[in-house]
Amino acid sequence: MLEQVLRPPGPIDLGLTLGPFSRGGSDPTMRIESGRVVRATRTPDGPATGEFVASGDDVIVRAWGPGARHVVETAPALLGFDDDPGAFVPRDPMVAELHRRTPGLRLGRSGAVTEALVPTILEQKVYGSEARRSYRLLVRRFGEPAPGPISLMLPPAPDRLASLPYYAFHPCEIERRRADTIRRACRYAPRLEATAPAGASRLSAALSAIPGIGPWTCAEVAALALGDPDAVSVGDYNLPRMVAYAFAGEREADDARMLELLEPFRPHRLRVVRLLSIAGFFPPRRAPRAPRRRYIG
């Protein structure tokens, strides 16, 4: 085990900062508790488990496995130490108040493109609950136990997912379209990881060249892997409604309306979206949610 004590450059809430990397409360690769987050990951040096514990003004980082040193060395980036919330000075009074009340939110970056990409593909055009269930099944079926004393699972290795036939994804409630997109993307995993340091525009161009990956997926991956503070997920079903409801009291909106309302906040649009989501700015539901669908075939 490796251990290091880090002093953040400002307030940090581990749950708010690392929460976006989790795919729901039952994500087998992560565990989020008050003041403590544990995360299993595949690093360039091998698999690892990282534990992040708040201790006063510090964060204690512990890591296990062949990739332990990588986890410790990249912990500041993951925890958003490079992010500067103080540079965000919104003129909108509501956003300014949300920002003031959420000083511990930082935009971190994992640097792990494929780990962000696979579950994001699963979220394409399905309910979030369905995508989270599929990811949980995928990890349990094709992942492996993470190193260290904490019971977590590693995300499936990209080369293993790339080698599977499409029908191997069916028990995870993943239909052929998303299965094929995952398989294609995982074949290019080394190239995608190598492109990440070049920035969001280069990574988006590389991702967009893969059939089945569009602007929404590119933005979601850029937000997690690169911590892009201006990433906006165009094509999301709920996001335009949330933004329009928060700023204009409108129950329905499209991407154009969302981008119009977010334009004054460049280059901090991702931070604004995170603040609105934390505050729960969603229009009341008028009808019951449709029953969960099964995507087999």
C-alpha atoms as a PDB file:
ATOM      1  CA  MET A   1       0.000   0.000   0.000  1.00  0.00           C
ATOM      2  CA  LEU A   2       1.079   3.564  -0.714  1.00  0.00           C
ATOM      3  CA  GLU A   3      -0.166   6.513   1.305  1.00  0.00           C
ATOM      4  CA  GLN A   4       0.154  10.248   0.854  1.00  0.00           C
ATOM      5  CA  VAL A   5      -1.400  13.253   2.570  1.00  0.00           C
ATOM      6  CA  LEU A   6      -2.459  16.044   0.231  1.00  0.00           C
ATOM      7  CA  ARG A   7      -3.423  19.609   1.065  1.00  0.00           C
ATOM      8  CA  PRO A   8      -6.079  20.847  -1.387  1.00  0.00           C
ATOM      9  CA  PRO A   9      -5.727  24.437  -2.633  1.00  0.00           C
ATOM     10  CA  GLY A  10      -9.188  25.193  -1.196  1.00  0.00           C
ATOM     11  CA  PRO A  11     -12.310  23.546   0.220  1.00  0.00           C
ATOM     12  CA  ILE A  12     -13.197  20.162  -1.239  1.00  0.00           C
ATOM     13  CA  ASP A  13     -16.225  17.951  -0.877  1.00  0.00           C
ATOM     14  CA  LEU A  14     -15.147  14.462  -1.924  1.00  0.00           C
ATOM     15  CA  GLY A  15     -18.677  13.294  -2.654  1.00  0.00           C
ATOM     16  CA  LEU A  16     -19.544  16.248  -4.889  1.00  0.00           C
ATOM     17  CA  THR A  17     -16.172  16.199  -6.653  1.00  0.00           C
ATOM     18  CA  LEU A  18     -15.870  12.454  -7.269  1.00  0.00           C
ATOM     19  CA  GLY A  19     -19.572  11.649  -7.448  1.00  0.00           C
ATOM     20  CA  PRO A  20     -19.814  12.224 -11.226  1.00  0.00           C
ATOM     21  CA  PHE A  21     -17.320   9.384 -11.772  1.00  0.00           C
ATOM     22  CA  SER A  22     -19.743   6.914 -10.164  1.00  0.00           C
ATOM     23  CA  ARG A  23     -22.541   5.210 -12.078  1.00  0.00           C
ATOM     24  CA  GLY A  24     -25.089   5.151  -9.299  1.00  0.00           C
ATOM     25  CA  GLY A  25     -25.141   3.944  -5.724  1.00  0.00           C
ATOM     26  CA  SER A  26     -24.648   0.315  -6.772  1.00  0.00           C
ATOM     27  CA  ASP A  27     -21.631   0.929  -9.023  1.00  0.00           C
ATOM     28  CA  PRO A  28     -19.313  -2.026  -8.248  1.00  0.00           C
ATOM     29  CA  THR A  29     -16.237   0.051  -9.105  1.00  0.00           C
ATOM     30  CA  MET A  30     -16.828   2.841  -6.572  1.00  0.00           C
ATOM     31  CA  ARG A  31     -18.003   3.444  -3.027  1.00  0.00           C
ATOM     32  CA  ILE A  32     -18.988   6.899  -1.796  1.00  0.00           C
ATOM     33  CA  GLU A  33     -19.491   7.623   1.899  1.00  0.00           C
ATOM     34  CA  SER A  34     -19.435  10.775   3.975  1.00  0.00           C
ATOM     35  CA  GLY A  35     -15.879  12.072   3.772  1.00  0.00           C
ATOM     36  CA  ARG A  36     -14.593   8.955   2.014  1.00  0.00           C
ATOM     37  CA  VAL A  37     -14.523   7.716  -1.571  1.00  0.00           C
ATOM     38  CA  VAL A  38     -12.993   4.479  -2.860  1.00  0.00           C
ATOM     39  CA  ARG A  39     -12.444   3.899  -6.565  1.00  0.00           C
ATOM     40  CA  ALA A  40     -11.136   0.941  -8.587  1.00  0.00           C
ATOM     41  CA  THR A  41      -9.385   1.759 -11.842  1.00  0.00           C
ATOM     42  CA  ARG A  42      -7.071   0.455 -14.548  1.00  0.00           C
ATOM     43  CA  THR A  43      -3.941   2.570 -14.873  1.00  0.00           C
ATOM     44  CA  PRO A  44      -1.107   2.429 -17.440  1.00  0.00           C
ATOM     45  CA  ASP A  45       0.856   0.517 -14.759  1.00  0.00           C
ATOM     46  CA  GLY A  46      -1.917  -1.969 -14.009  1.00  0.00           C
ATOM     47  CA  PRO A  47      -5.037  -2.258 -11.868  1.00  0.00           C
ATOM     48  CA  ALA A  48      -5.355  -0.297  -8.652  1.00  0.00           C
ATOM     49  CA  THR A  49      -7.710   0.771  -5.906  1.00  0.00           C
ATOM     50  CA  GLY A  50      -7.588   4.302  -4.553  1.00  0.00           C
ATOM     51  CA  GLU A  51      -9.073   5.470  -1.259  1.00  0.00           C
ATOM     52  CA  PHE A  52      -9.622   9.179  -0.576  1.00  0.00           C
ATOM     53  CA  VAL A  53     -10.430  10.253   2.980  1.00  0.00           C
ATOM     54  CA  ALA A  54     -11.105  13.782   4.219  1.00  0.00           C
ATOM     55  CA  SER A  55      -9.058  14.608   7.325  1.00  0.00           C
ATOM     56  CA  GLY A  56      -9.456  18.194   8.451  1.00  0.00           C
ATOM     57  CA  ASP A  57      -8.082  20.395   5.670  1.00  0.00           C
ATOM     58  CA  ASP A  58      -6.215  17.457   4.123  1.00  0.00           C
ATOM     59  CA  VAL A  59      -7.081  14.462   1.977  1.00  0.00           C
ATOM     60  CA  ILE A  60      -5.421  11.140   2.783  1.00  0.00           C
ATOM     61  CA  VAL A  61      -4.819   9.058  -0.345  1.00  0.00           C
ATOM     62  CA  ARG A  62      -4.177   5.332  -0.015  1.00  0.00           C
ATOM     63  CA  ALA A  63      -3.655   3.021  -2.988  1.00  0.00           C
ATOM     64  CA  TRP A  64      -3.198  -0.697  -3.610  1.00  0.00           C
ATOM     65  CA  GLY A  65      -2.151  -2.763  -6.610  1.00  0.00           C
ATOM     66  CA  PRO A  66       0.358  -2.479  -9.459  1.00  0.00           C
ATOM     67  CA  GLY A  67      -1.057   0.938 -10.368  1.00  0.00           C
ATOM     68  CA  ALA A  68      -0.905   2.321  -6.822  1.00  0.00           C
ATOM     69  CA  ARG A  69       1.837   4.851  -7.591  1.00  0.00           C
ATOM     70  CA  HIS A  70      -0.097   6.128 -10.592  1.00  0.00           C
ATOM     71  CA  VAL A  71      -3.199   6.628  -8.426  1.00  0.00           C
ATOM     72  CA  VAL A  72      -1.218   8.623  -5.863  1.00  0.00           C
ATOM     73  CA  GLU A  73       0.571  10.708  -8.487  1.00  0.00           C
ATOM     74  CA  THR A  74      -2.629  11.571 -10.363  1.00  0.00           C
ATOM     75  CA  ALA A  75      -4.771  12.118  -7.253  1.00  0.00           C
ATOM     76  CA  PRO A  76      -4.440  15.937  -7.383  1.00  0.00           C
ATOM     77  CA  ALA A  77      -5.857  15.978 -10.918  1.00  0.00           C
ATOM     78  CA  LEU A  78      -8.694  13.602 -10.006  1.00  0.00           C
ATOM     79  CA  LEU A  79      -9.550  15.724  -6.970  1.00  0.00           C
ATOM     80  CA  GLY A  80      -9.637  18.908  -9.034  1.00  0.00           C
ATOM     81  CA  PHE A  81      -6.586  20.617  -7.566  1.00  0.00           C
ATOM     82  CA  ASP A  82      -5.982  22.149 -11.020  1.00  0.00           C
ATOM     83  CA  ASP A  83      -9.508  23.531 -11.026  1.00  0.00           C
ATOM     84  CA  ASP A  84      -9.955  27.100  -9.799  1.00  0.00           C
ATOM     85  CA  PRO A  85     -13.524  27.679  -8.567  1.00  0.00           C
ATOM     86  CA  GLY A  86     -12.504  31.181  -7.523  1.00  0.00           C
ATOM     87  CA  ALA A  87     -12.054  32.139 -11.174  1.00  0.00           C
ATOM     88  CA  PHE A  88     -15.783  31.649 -11.668  1.00  0.00           C
ATOM     89  CA  VAL A  89     -17.559  34.931 -10.808  1.00  0.00           C
ATOM     90  CA  PRO A  90     -21.097  34.616 -12.206  1.00  0.00           C
ATOM     91  CA  ARG A  91     -23.214  37.720 -12.637  1.00  0.00           C
ATOM     92  CA  ASP A  92     -26.435  35.749 -12.383  1.00  0.00           C
ATOM     93  CA  PRO A  93     -27.582  36.080  -8.729  1.00  0.00           C
ATOM     94  CA  MET A  94     -29.010  32.568  -8.542  1.00  0.00           C
ATOM     95  CA  VAL A  95     -25.883  30.907  -9.884  1.00  0.00           C
ATOM     96  CA  ALA A  96     -23.709  33.116  -7.695  1.00  0.00           C
ATOM     97  CA  GLU A  97     -25.634  31.950  -4.630  1.00  0.00           C
ATOM     98  CA  LEU A  98     -25.407  28.282  -5.651  1.00  0.00           C
ATOM     99  CA  HIS A  99     -21.675  28.726  -6.202  1.00  0.00           C
ATOM    100  CA  ARG A 100     -21.285  30.380  -2.791  1.00  0.00           C
ATOM    101  CA  ARG A 101     -23.180  27.553  -1.080  1.00  0.00           C
ATOM    102  CA  THR A 102     -21.119  24.828  -2.789  1.00  0.00           C
ATOM    103  CA  PRO A 103     -17.485  25.756  -2.119  1.00  0.00           C
ATOM    104  CA  GLY A 104     -16.355  22.121  -2.056  1.00  0.00           C
ATOM    105  CA  LEU A 105     -17.284  21.353  -5.662  1.00  0.00           C
ATOM    106  CA  ARG A 106     -14.211  20.915  -7.836  1.00  0.00           C
ATOM    107  CA  LEU A 107     -14.009  19.663 -11.435  1.00  0.00           C
ATOM    108  CA  GLY A 108     -11.617  16.728 -11.456  1.00  0.00           C
ATOM    109  CA  ARG A 109     -10.157  14.751 -14.338  1.00  0.00           C
ATOM    110  CA  SER A 110      -9.428  11.038 -14.342  1.00  0.00           C
ATOM    111  CA  GLY A 111      -7.346  10.932 -17.534  1.00  0.00           C
ATOM    112  CA  ALA A 112      -8.995   7.551 -18.186  1.00  0.00           C
ATOM    113  CA  VAL A 113     -10.874   7.877 -21.457  1.00  0.00           C
ATOM    114  CA  THR A 114     -12.130   4.318 -21.925  1.00  0.00           C
ATOM    115  CA  GLU A 115     -13.333   4.019 -18.328  1.00  0.00           C
ATOM    116  CA  ALA A 116     -15.501   7.079 -18.934  1.00  0.00           C
ATOM    117  CA  LEU A 117     -16.490   6.043 -22.448  1.00  0.00           C
ATOM    118  CA  VAL A 118     -17.924   2.542 -21.892  1.00  0.00           C
ATOM    119  CA  PRO A 119     -20.578   3.484 -19.304  1.00  0.00           C
ATOM    120  CA  THR A 120     -21.357   6.643 -21.276  1.00  0.00           C
ATOM    121  CA  ILE A 121     -22.147   4.565 -24.370  1.00  0.00           C
ATOM    122  CA  LEU A 122     -24.485   2.499 -22.211  1.00  0.00           C
ATOM    123  CA  GLU A 123     -26.367   5.701 -21.353  1.00  0.00           C
ATOM    124  CA  GLN A 124     -27.134   6.492 -24.991  1.00  0.00           C
ATOM    125  CA  LYS A 125     -30.894   6.868 -25.520  1.00  0.00           C
ATOM    126  CA  VAL A 126     -32.012   4.853 -22.483  1.00  0.00           C
ATOM    127  CA  TYR A 127     -33.140   5.739 -18.995  1.00  0.00           C
ATOM    128  CA  GLY A 128     -30.316   6.339 -16.552  1.00  0.00           C
ATOM    129  CA  SER A 129     -31.547   3.546 -14.292  1.00  0.00           C
ATOM    130  CA  GLU A 130     -31.355   1.087 -17.189  1.00  0.00           C
ATOM    131  CA  ALA A 131     -27.841   2.194 -18.116  1.00  0.00           C
ATOM    132  CA  ARG A 132     -26.639   1.918 -14.538  1.00  0.00           C
ATOM    133  CA  ARG A 133     -28.094  -1.568 -14.251  1.00  0.00           C
ATOM    134  CA  SER A 134     -26.426  -2.640 -17.509  1.00  0.00           C
ATOM    135  CA  TYR A 135     -23.086  -1.257 -16.374  1.00  0.00           C
ATOM    136  CA  ARG A 136     -23.371  -3.056 -13.057  1.00  0.00           C
ATOM    137  CA  LEU A 137     -24.116  -6.331 -14.847  1.00  0.00           C
ATOM    138  CA  LEU A 138     -21.265  -5.731 -17.312  1.00  0.00           C
ATOM    139  CA  VAL A 139     -18.742  -5.137 -14.521  1.00  0.00           C
ATOM    140  CA  ARG A 140     -19.910  -8.159 -12.546  1.00  0.00           C
ATOM    141  CA  ARG A 141     -19.742 -10.379 -15.626  1.00  0.00           C
ATOM    142  CA  PHE A 142     -16.536  -9.208 -17.306  1.00  0.00           C
ATOM    143  CA  GLY A 143     -14.622  -7.298 -14.639  1.00  0.00           C
ATOM    144  CA  GLU A 144     -12.447  -8.775 -11.908  1.00  0.00           C
ATOM    145  CA  PRO A 145     -11.819  -8.112  -8.216  1.00  0.00           C
ATOM    146  CA  ALA A 146      -9.856  -4.940  -7.543  1.00  0.00           C
ATOM    147  CA  PRO A 147      -6.591  -5.130  -5.557  1.00  0.00           C
ATOM    148  CA  GLY A 148      -6.493  -4.256  -1.887  1.00  0.00           C
ATOM    149  CA  PRO A 149      -8.635  -4.957   1.170  1.00  0.00           C
ATOM    150  CA  ILE A 150     -11.747  -3.121  -0.060  1.00  0.00           C
ATOM    151  CA  SER A 151     -14.329  -5.184  -1.937  1.00  0.00           C
ATOM    152  CA  LEU A 152     -14.648  -3.519  -5.336  1.00  0.00           C
ATOM    153  CA  MET A 153     -14.604  -4.655  -8.956  1.00  0.00           C
ATOM    154  CA  LEU A 154     -12.369  -3.348 -11.729  1.00  0.00           C
ATOM    155  CA  PRO A 155     -14.008  -2.019 -14.883  1.00  0.00           C
ATOM    156  CA  PRO A 156     -13.783  -4.616 -17.677  1.00  0.00           C
ATOM    157  CA  ALA A 157     -10.522  -4.458 -19.614  1.00  0.00           C
ATOM    158  CA  PRO A 158     -10.999  -2.804 -23.028  1.00  0.00           C
ATOM    159  CA  ASP A 159      -9.252  -5.625 -24.907  1.00  0.00           C
ATOM    160  CA  ARG A 160     -11.634  -8.149 -23.357  1.00  0.00           C
ATOM    161  CA  LEU A 161     -14.722  -6.148 -24.335  1.00  0.00           C
ATOM    162  CA  ALA A 162     -13.351  -5.654 -27.842  1.00  0.00           C
ATOM    163  CA  SER A 163     -12.930  -9.410 -28.285  1.00  0.00           C
ATOM    164  CA  LEU A 164     -16.476 -10.345 -27.260  1.00  0.00           C
ATOM    165  CA  PRO A 165     -19.216 -11.102 -29.789  1.00  0.00           C
ATOM    166  CA  TYR A 166     -22.167  -8.718 -29.619  1.00  0.00           C
ATOM    167  CA  TYR A 167     -24.476 -11.337 -28.162  1.00  0.00           C
ATOM    168  CA  ALA A 168     -22.225 -11.726 -25.108  1.00  0.00           C
ATOM    169  CA  PHE A 169     -23.595  -8.345 -23.996  1.00  0.00           C
ATOM    170  CA  HIS A 170     -27.219  -9.522 -24.061  1.00  0.00           C
ATOM    171  CA  PRO A 171     -27.248 -10.913 -20.488  1.00  0.00           C
ATOM    172  CA  CYS A 172     -26.268  -7.396 -19.408  1.00  0.00           C
ATOM    173  CA  GLU A 173     -29.402  -6.046 -21.141  1.00  0.00           C
ATOM    174  CA  ILE A 174     -27.372  -4.368 -23.873  1.00  0.00           C
ATOM    175  CA  GLU A 175     -28.696  -4.597 -27.416  1.00  0.00           C
ATOM    176  CA  ARG A 176     -26.519  -4.999 -30.481  1.00  0.00           C
ATOM    177  CA  ARG A 177     -26.264  -1.299 -31.366  1.00  0.00           C
ATOM    178  CA  ARG A 178     -24.630  -0.251 -28.090  1.00  0.00           C
ATOM    179  CA  ALA A 179     -22.682  -3.505 -27.846  1.00  0.00           C
ATOM    180  CA  ASP A 180     -21.131  -2.924 -31.271  1.00  0.00           C
ATOM    181  CA  THR A 181     -20.273   0.678 -30.356  1.00  0.00           C
ATOM    182  CA  ILE A 182     -18.512  -0.489 -27.192  1.00  0.00           C
ATOM    183  CA  ARG A 183     -16.619  -3.173 -29.085  1.00  0.00           C
ATOM    184  CA  ARG A 184     -15.483  -0.695 -31.748  1.00  0.00           C
ATOM    185  CA  ALA A 185     -14.477   1.933 -29.194  1.00  0.00           C
ATOM    186  CA  CYS A 186     -12.476  -0.562 -27.143  1.00  0.00           C
ATOM    187  CA  ARG A 187     -10.494  -1.606 -30.218  1.00  0.00           C
ATOM    188  CA  TYR A 188      -9.240   1.984 -30.383  1.00  0.00           C
ATOM    189  CA  ALA A 189      -8.653   2.320 -26.624  1.00  0.00           C
ATOM    190  CA  PRO A 190      -4.847   2.789 -26.775  1.00  0.00           C
ATOM    191  CA  ARG A 191      -5.186   5.476 -29.439  1.00  0.00           C
ATOM    192  CA  LEU A 192      -7.915   7.284 -27.479  1.00  0.00           C
ATOM    193  CA  GLU A 193      -5.878   7.261 -24.273  1.00  0.00           C
ATOM    194  CA  ALA A 194      -2.872   8.654 -26.157  1.00  0.00           C
ATOM    195  CA  THR A 195      -5.006  11.446 -27.617  1.00  0.00           C
ATOM    196  CA  ALA A 196      -6.360  12.671 -24.260  1.00  0.00           C
ATOM    197  CA  PRO A 197      -3.356  14.883 -23.334  1.00  0.00           C
ATOM    198  CA  ALA A 198      -3.913  16.879 -26.540  1.00  0.00           C
ATOM    199  CA  GLY A 199      -7.138  18.343 -25.134  1.00  0.00           C
ATOM    200  CA  ALA A 200     -10.887  18.166 -25.559  1.00  0.00           C
ATOM    201  CA  SER A 201     -11.073  19.147 -29.230  1.00  0.00           C
ATOM    202  CA  ARG A 202      -8.560  16.513 -30.339  1.00  0.00           C
ATOM    203  CA  LEU A 203     -10.177  13.848 -28.167  1.00  0.00           C
ATOM    204  CA  SER A 204     -13.642  14.715 -29.481  1.00  0.00           C
ATOM    205  CA  ALA A 205     -12.382  14.444 -33.046  1.00  0.00           C
ATOM    206  CA  ALA A 206     -10.926  10.992 -32.326  1.00  0.00           C
ATOM    207  CA  LEU A 207     -14.116   9.842 -30.603  1.00  0.00           C
ATOM    208  CA  SER A 208     -16.381  11.210 -33.329  1.00  0.00           C
ATOM    209  CA  ALA A 209     -14.535   9.138 -35.931  1.00  0.00           C
ATOM    210  CA  ILE A 210     -15.923   5.998 -34.278  1.00  0.00           C
ATOM    211  CA  PRO A 211     -19.383   5.046 -35.597  1.00  0.00           C
ATOM    212  CA  GLY A 212     -21.993   5.306 -32.879  1.00  0.00           C
ATOM    213  CA  ILE A 213     -20.297   8.135 -30.978  1.00  0.00           C
ATOM    214  CA  GLY A 214     -21.659  11.658 -31.299  1.00  0.00           C
ATOM    215  CA  PRO A 215     -21.423  15.067 -29.585  1.00  0.00           C
ATOM    216  CA  TRP A 216     -23.273  13.987 -26.429  1.00  0.00           C
ATOM    217  CA  THR A 217     -20.892  11.121 -25.739  1.00  0.00           C
ATOM    218  CA  CYS A 218     -17.865  13.292 -26.540  1.00  0.00           C
ATOM    219  CA  ALA A 219     -18.946  15.959 -24.042  1.00  0.00           C
ATOM    220  CA  GLU A 220     -19.677  13.438 -21.293  1.00  0.00           C
ATOM    221  CA  VAL A 221     -16.257  11.841 -21.719  1.00  0.00           C
ATOM    222  CA  ALA A 222     -14.463  15.208 -21.883  1.00  0.00           C
ATOM    223  CA  ALA A 223     -16.121  16.243 -18.614  1.00  0.00           C
ATOM    224  CA  LEU A 224     -14.888  13.154 -16.752  1.00  0.00           C
ATOM    225  CA  ALA A 225     -11.614  12.223 -18.408  1.00  0.00           C
ATOM    226  CA  LEU A 226     -10.358  15.764 -19.007  1.00  0.00           C
ATOM    227  CA  GLY A 227     -12.300  17.843 -16.487  1.00  0.00           C
ATOM    228  CA  ASP A 228     -13.300  20.206 -19.311  1.00  0.00           C
ATOM    229  CA  PRO A 229     -15.081  23.037 -17.429  1.00  0.00           C
ATOM    230  CA  ASP A 230     -17.036  24.079 -20.513  1.00  0.00           C
ATOM    231  CA  ALA A 231     -18.314  20.651 -21.642  1.00  0.00           C
ATOM    232  CA  VAL A 232     -22.028  20.707 -22.456  1.00  0.00           C
ATOM    233  CA  SER A 233     -23.812  17.472 -23.332  1.00  0.00           C
ATOM    234  CA  VAL A 234     -25.808  18.440 -26.405  1.00  0.00           C
ATOM    235  CA  GLY A 235     -28.403  15.783 -27.188  1.00  0.00           C
ATOM    236  CA  ASP A 236     -29.294  15.005 -23.575  1.00  0.00           C
ATOM    237  CA  TYR A 237     -32.991  14.402 -22.887  1.00  0.00           C
ATOM    238  CA  ASN A 238     -33.177  16.026 -19.444  1.00  0.00           C
ATOM    239  CA  LEU A 239     -30.442  18.648 -19.506  1.00  0.00           C
ATOM    240  CA  PRO A 240     -32.221  21.284 -21.677  1.00  0.00           C
ATOM    241  CA  ARG A 241     -35.319  20.982 -19.507  1.00  0.00           C
ATOM    242  CA  MET A 242     -33.296  21.436 -16.330  1.00  0.00           C
ATOM    243  CA  VAL A 243     -31.477  24.504 -17.644  1.00  0.00           C
ATOM    244  CA  ALA A 244     -34.619  26.117 -19.059  1.00  0.00           C
ATOM    245  CA  TYR A 245     -36.581  25.457 -15.876  1.00  0.00           C
ATOM    246  CA  ALA A 246     -33.831  26.940 -13.696  1.00  0.00           C
ATOM    247  CA  PHE A 247     -33.268  30.112 -15.715  1.00  0.00           C
ATOM    248  CA  ALA A 248     -36.606  30.747 -17.392  1.00  0.00           C
ATOM    249  CA  GLY A 249     -39.215  28.636 -15.597  1.00  0.00           C
ATOM    250  CA  GLU A 250     -39.860  26.743 -18.832  1.00  0.00           C
ATOM    251  CA  ARG A 251     -40.839  23.092 -18.631  1.00  0.00           C
ATOM    252  CA  GLU A 252     -39.719  22.146 -22.133  1.00  0.00           C
ATOM    253  CA  ALA A 253     -36.681  23.205 -24.142  1.00  0.00           C
ATOM    254  CA  ASP A 254     -34.352  22.003 -26.889  1.00  0.00           C
ATOM    255  CA  ASP A 255     -30.583  22.125 -27.220  1.00  0.00           C
ATOM    256  CA  ALA A 256     -30.649  25.530 -28.914  1.00  0.00           C
ATOM    257  CA  ARG A 257     -32.543  27.051 -26.004  1.00  0.00           C
ATOM    258  CA  MET A 258     -30.215  25.398 -23.491  1.00  0.00           C
ATOM    259  CA  LEU A 259     -27.106  26.716 -25.245  1.00  0.00           C
ATOM    260  CA  GLU A 260     -28.646  30.192 -25.420  1.00  0.00           C
ATOM    261  CA  LEU A 261     -29.253  30.245 -21.672  1.00  0.00           C
ATOM    262  CA  LEU A 262     -25.790  28.851 -20.874  1.00  0.00           C
ATOM    263  CA  GLU A 263     -23.894  31.140 -23.268  1.00  0.00           C
ATOM    264  CA  PRO A 264     -23.189  33.894 -20.669  1.00  0.00           C
ATOM    265  CA  PHE A 265     -21.357  31.343 -18.516  1.00  0.00           C
ATOM    266  CA  ARG A 266     -18.617  30.362 -20.974  1.00  0.00           C
ATOM    267  CA  PRO A 267     -16.077  28.884 -20.270  1.00  0.00           C
ATOM    268  CA  HIS A 268     -17.680  27.472 -17.095  1.00  0.00           C
ATOM    269  CA  ARG A 269     -20.819  25.868 -18.472  1.00  0.00           C
ATOM    270  CA  LEU A 270     -20.089  22.437 -16.998  1.00  0.00           C
ATOM    271  CA  ARG A 271     -19.744  23.985 -13.537  1.00  0.00           C
ATOM    272  CA  VAL A 272     -23.106  25.709 -13.947  1.00  0.00           C
ATOM    273  CA  VAL A 273     -24.753  22.455 -15.017  1.00  0.00           C
ATOM    274  CA  ARG A 274     -23.259  20.671 -12.001  1.00  0.00           C
ATOM    275  CA  LEU A 275     -24.497  23.406  -9.661  1.00  0.00           C
ATOM    276  CA  LEU A 276     -28.019  23.232 -11.085  1.00  0.00           C
ATOM    277  CA  SER A 277     -28.038  19.454 -10.808  1.00  0.00           C
ATOM    278  CA  ILE A 278     -26.870  19.539  -7.182  1.00  0.00           C
ATOM    279  CA  ALA A 279     -29.605  22.073  -6.400  1.00  0.00           C
ATOM    280  CA  GLY A 280     -32.238  19.838  -8.022  1.00  0.00           C
ATOM    281  CA  PHE A 281     -33.576  22.188 -10.670  1.00  0.00           C
ATOM    282  CA  PHE A 282     -35.856  19.752 -12.489  1.00  0.00           C
ATOM    283  CA  PRO A 283     -39.422  20.451 -13.590  1.00  0.00           C
ATOM    284  CA  PRO A 284     -42.020  18.369 -11.729  1.00  0.00           C
ATOM    285  CA  ARG A 285     -42.948  15.161 -13.501  1.00  0.00           C
ATOM    286  CA  ARG A 286     -46.445  15.159 -14.926  1.00  0.00           C
ATOM    287  CA  ALA A 287     -46.783  11.456 -15.654  1.00  0.00           C
ATOM    288  CA  PRO A 288     -45.426   8.204 -14.227  1.00  0.00           C
ATOM    289  CA  ARG A 289     -42.167   6.943 -15.667  1.00  0.00           C
ATOM    290  CA  ALA A 290     -42.604   4.308 -18.344  1.00  0.00           C
ATOM    291  CA  PRO A 291     -41.736   0.748 -17.314  1.00  0.00           C
ATOM    292  CA  ARG A 292     -38.131  -0.352 -17.742  1.00  0.00           C
ATOM    293  CA  ARG A 293     -37.436  -1.711 -21.210  1.00  0.00           C
ATOM    294  CA  ARG A 294     -35.311  -4.675 -22.172  1.00  0.00           C
ATOM    295  CA  TYR A 295     -32.897  -4.282 -25.082  1.00  0.00           C
ATOM    296  CA  ILE A 296     -32.081  -7.708 -26.406  1.00  0.00           C
ATOM    297  CA  GLY A 297     -31.404  -8.433 -30.033  1.00  0.00           C
END
